[in-house]
Amino acid sequence: MPEPTSPTPTPKWVIVLFLLVFIGSAAWGGYVLAKNAHLRQRGQPTDPIENQTLFGR
């Protein structure tokens, strides 16, 4: 009867690659969200009374 083989451990480079992709995608997503928020904010007046979006039109 053959002995059961233990699973091979995950190589460190796979873990590092996964972390780099995960952190990179989170940073890119944050950048895109901040850029879109900045672009949306540009056209709105700075005076809160003039900004009708605060009051629900």
N, C-alpha and C. Protein backbone atom coordinates (compact mmCIF):
# COMPACT_ATOMS: atom_id res chain seq x y z
N MET A 1 0.85 -1.17 0.00
CA MET A 1 0.00 0.00 0.00
C MET A 1 0.90 1.24 0.00
N PRO A 2 0.78 2.12 -0.97
CA PRO A 2 1.64 3.32 -1.03
C PRO A 2 1.23 4.34 0.03
N GLU A 3 2.22 5.03 0.54
CA GLU A 3 1.94 6.06 1.54
C GLU A 3 1.36 7.30 0.86
N PRO A 4 0.43 7.96 1.52
CA PRO A 4 -0.13 9.17 0.91
C PRO A 4 0.94 10.27 0.87
N THR A 5 0.99 10.95 -0.26
CA THR A 5 1.97 12.02 -0.38
C THR A 5 1.38 13.32 0.15
N SER A 6 2.21 14.07 0.83
CA SER A 6 1.73 15.35 1.35
C SER A 6 1.72 16.38 0.22
N PRO A 7 0.79 17.30 0.25
CA PRO A 7 0.74 18.30 -0.82
C PRO A 7 2.00 19.18 -0.79
N THR A 8 2.44 19.54 -1.97
CA THR A 8 3.64 20.38 -2.04
C THR A 8 3.28 21.80 -1.61
N PRO A 9 4.17 22.44 -0.86
CA PRO A 9 3.87 23.81 -0.43
C PRO A 9 3.90 24.78 -1.61
N THR A 10 3.12 25.84 -1.48
CA THR A 10 3.06 26.84 -2.54
C THR A 10 4.37 27.61 -2.59
N PRO A 11 4.94 27.77 -3.77
CA PRO A 11 6.19 28.53 -3.87
C PRO A 11 5.99 29.99 -3.45
N LYS A 12 7.04 30.57 -2.88
CA LYS A 12 6.93 31.94 -2.38
C LYS A 12 6.68 32.93 -3.51
N TRP A 13 7.22 32.66 -4.70
CA TRP A 13 7.03 33.62 -5.79
C TRP A 13 5.57 33.71 -6.21
N VAL A 14 4.80 32.64 -6.04
CA VAL A 14 3.38 32.67 -6.38
C VAL A 14 2.63 33.57 -5.39
N ILE A 15 2.98 33.46 -4.13
CA ILE A 15 2.35 34.28 -3.11
C ILE A 15 2.69 35.75 -3.31
N VAL A 16 3.96 36.03 -3.60
CA VAL A 16 4.39 37.41 -3.82
C VAL A 16 3.70 37.98 -5.06
N LEU A 17 3.60 37.20 -6.11
CA LEU A 17 2.94 37.65 -7.34
C LEU A 17 1.47 37.95 -7.07
N PHE A 18 0.80 37.07 -6.33
CA PHE A 18 -0.60 37.30 -5.99
C PHE A 18 -0.77 38.59 -5.19
N LEU A 19 0.10 38.81 -4.21
CA LEU A 19 0.01 40.03 -3.40
C LEU A 19 0.26 41.27 -4.24
N LEU A 20 1.23 41.22 -5.14
CA LEU A 20 1.50 42.37 -6.01
C LEU A 20 0.30 42.69 -6.91
N VAL A 21 -0.31 41.67 -7.47
CA VAL A 21 -1.47 41.89 -8.33
C VAL A 21 -2.63 42.43 -7.51
N PHE A 22 -2.85 41.88 -6.33
CA PHE A 22 -3.96 42.32 -5.48
C PHE A 22 -3.78 43.77 -5.04
N ILE A 23 -2.61 44.11 -4.55
CA ILE A 23 -2.35 45.47 -4.08
C ILE A 23 -2.34 46.45 -5.27
N GLY A 24 -1.78 46.03 -6.39
CA GLY A 24 -1.77 46.88 -7.58
C GLY A 24 -3.17 47.17 -8.08
N SER A 25 -4.03 46.18 -8.09
CA SER A 25 -5.39 46.40 -8.57
C SER A 25 -6.17 47.30 -7.60
N ALA A 26 -5.93 47.16 -6.30
CA ALA A 26 -6.59 48.03 -5.33
C ALA A 26 -6.12 49.47 -5.48
N ALA A 27 -4.82 49.67 -5.70
CA ALA A 27 -4.29 51.02 -5.89
C ALA A 27 -4.83 51.63 -7.17
N TRP A 28 -4.88 50.85 -8.25
CA TRP A 28 -5.41 51.36 -9.51
C TRP A 28 -6.89 51.71 -9.39
N GLY A 29 -7.65 50.87 -8.70
CA GLY A 29 -9.07 51.15 -8.49
C GLY A 29 -9.29 52.42 -7.68
N GLY A 30 -8.48 52.62 -6.65
CA GLY A 30 -8.57 53.85 -5.86
C GLY A 30 -8.24 55.08 -6.68
N TYR A 31 -7.23 54.95 -7.53
CA TYR A 31 -6.85 56.07 -8.39
C TYR A 31 -7.99 56.42 -9.36
N VAL A 32 -8.59 55.41 -9.95
CA VAL A 32 -9.68 55.65 -10.90
C VAL A 32 -10.87 56.28 -10.19
N LEU A 33 -11.22 55.81 -9.01
CA LEU A 33 -12.33 56.39 -8.27
C LEU A 33 -12.06 57.84 -7.90
N ALA A 34 -10.84 58.13 -7.45
CA ALA A 34 -10.49 59.51 -7.09
C ALA A 34 -10.50 60.41 -8.32
N LYS A 35 -10.01 59.91 -9.45
CA LYS A 35 -9.99 60.71 -10.67
C LYS A 35 -11.41 61.01 -11.13
N ASN A 36 -12.29 60.02 -11.11
CA ASN A 36 -13.68 60.25 -11.51
C ASN A 36 -14.39 61.21 -10.57
N ALA A 37 -14.14 61.10 -9.28
CA ALA A 37 -14.75 62.03 -8.33
C ALA A 37 -14.27 63.45 -8.58
N HIS A 38 -12.99 63.59 -8.90
CA HIS A 38 -12.45 64.92 -9.18
C HIS A 38 -13.06 65.50 -10.45
N LEU A 39 -13.24 64.67 -11.48
CA LEU A 39 -13.84 65.14 -12.72
C LEU A 39 -15.30 65.53 -12.52
N ARG A 40 -16.02 64.80 -11.71
CA ARG A 40 -17.42 65.13 -11.44
C ARG A 40 -17.56 66.40 -10.62
N GLN A 41 -16.61 66.65 -9.75
CA GLN A 41 -16.67 67.79 -8.85
C GLN A 41 -16.37 69.10 -9.59
N ARG A 42 -15.66 69.02 -10.70
CA ARG A 42 -15.22 70.23 -11.39
C ARG A 42 -16.36 71.11 -11.85
N GLY A 43 -17.43 70.54 -12.35
CA GLY A 43 -18.51 71.33 -12.90
C GLY A 43 -19.48 71.88 -11.87
N GLN A 44 -19.38 71.49 -10.62
CA GLN A 44 -20.34 71.92 -9.62
C GLN A 44 -19.87 73.20 -8.93
N PRO A 45 -20.79 74.07 -8.58
CA PRO A 45 -20.40 75.29 -7.88
C PRO A 45 -19.89 74.98 -6.48
N THR A 46 -19.00 75.84 -5.99
CA THR A 46 -18.43 75.60 -4.65
C THR A 46 -19.36 76.08 -3.55
N ASP A 47 -20.28 76.98 -3.86
CA ASP A 47 -21.22 77.48 -2.86
C ASP A 47 -22.30 76.43 -2.61
N PRO A 48 -22.49 75.99 -1.38
CA PRO A 48 -23.47 74.93 -1.13
C PRO A 48 -24.91 75.38 -1.41
N ILE A 49 -25.19 76.67 -1.36
CA ILE A 49 -26.54 77.13 -1.66
C ILE A 49 -26.82 76.99 -3.17
N GLU A 50 -25.80 77.26 -4.00
CA GLU A 50 -25.96 77.13 -5.45
C GLU A 50 -25.95 75.68 -5.90
N ASN A 51 -25.36 74.80 -5.11
CA ASN A 51 -25.27 73.39 -5.47
C ASN A 51 -26.59 72.72 -5.15
N GLN A 52 -27.44 72.58 -6.16
CA GLN A 52 -28.79 72.04 -5.94
C GLN A 52 -28.77 70.53 -5.69
N THR A 53 -27.66 69.84 -5.96
CA THR A 53 -27.63 68.40 -5.74
C THR A 53 -27.68 68.06 -4.25
N LEU A 54 -27.31 69.01 -3.40
CA LEU A 54 -27.37 68.76 -1.96
C LEU A 54 -28.82 68.70 -1.46
N PHE A 55 -29.71 69.37 -2.16
CA PHE A 55 -31.08 69.49 -1.67
C PHE A 55 -32.05 68.58 -2.42
N GLY A 56 -31.58 67.76 -3.30
CA GLY A 56 -32.42 66.78 -3.95
C GLY A 56 -33.30 67.34 -5.05
N ARG A 57 -33.03 68.49 -5.57
CA ARG A 57 -33.78 69.11 -6.67
C ARG A 57 -35.24 69.00 -6.45
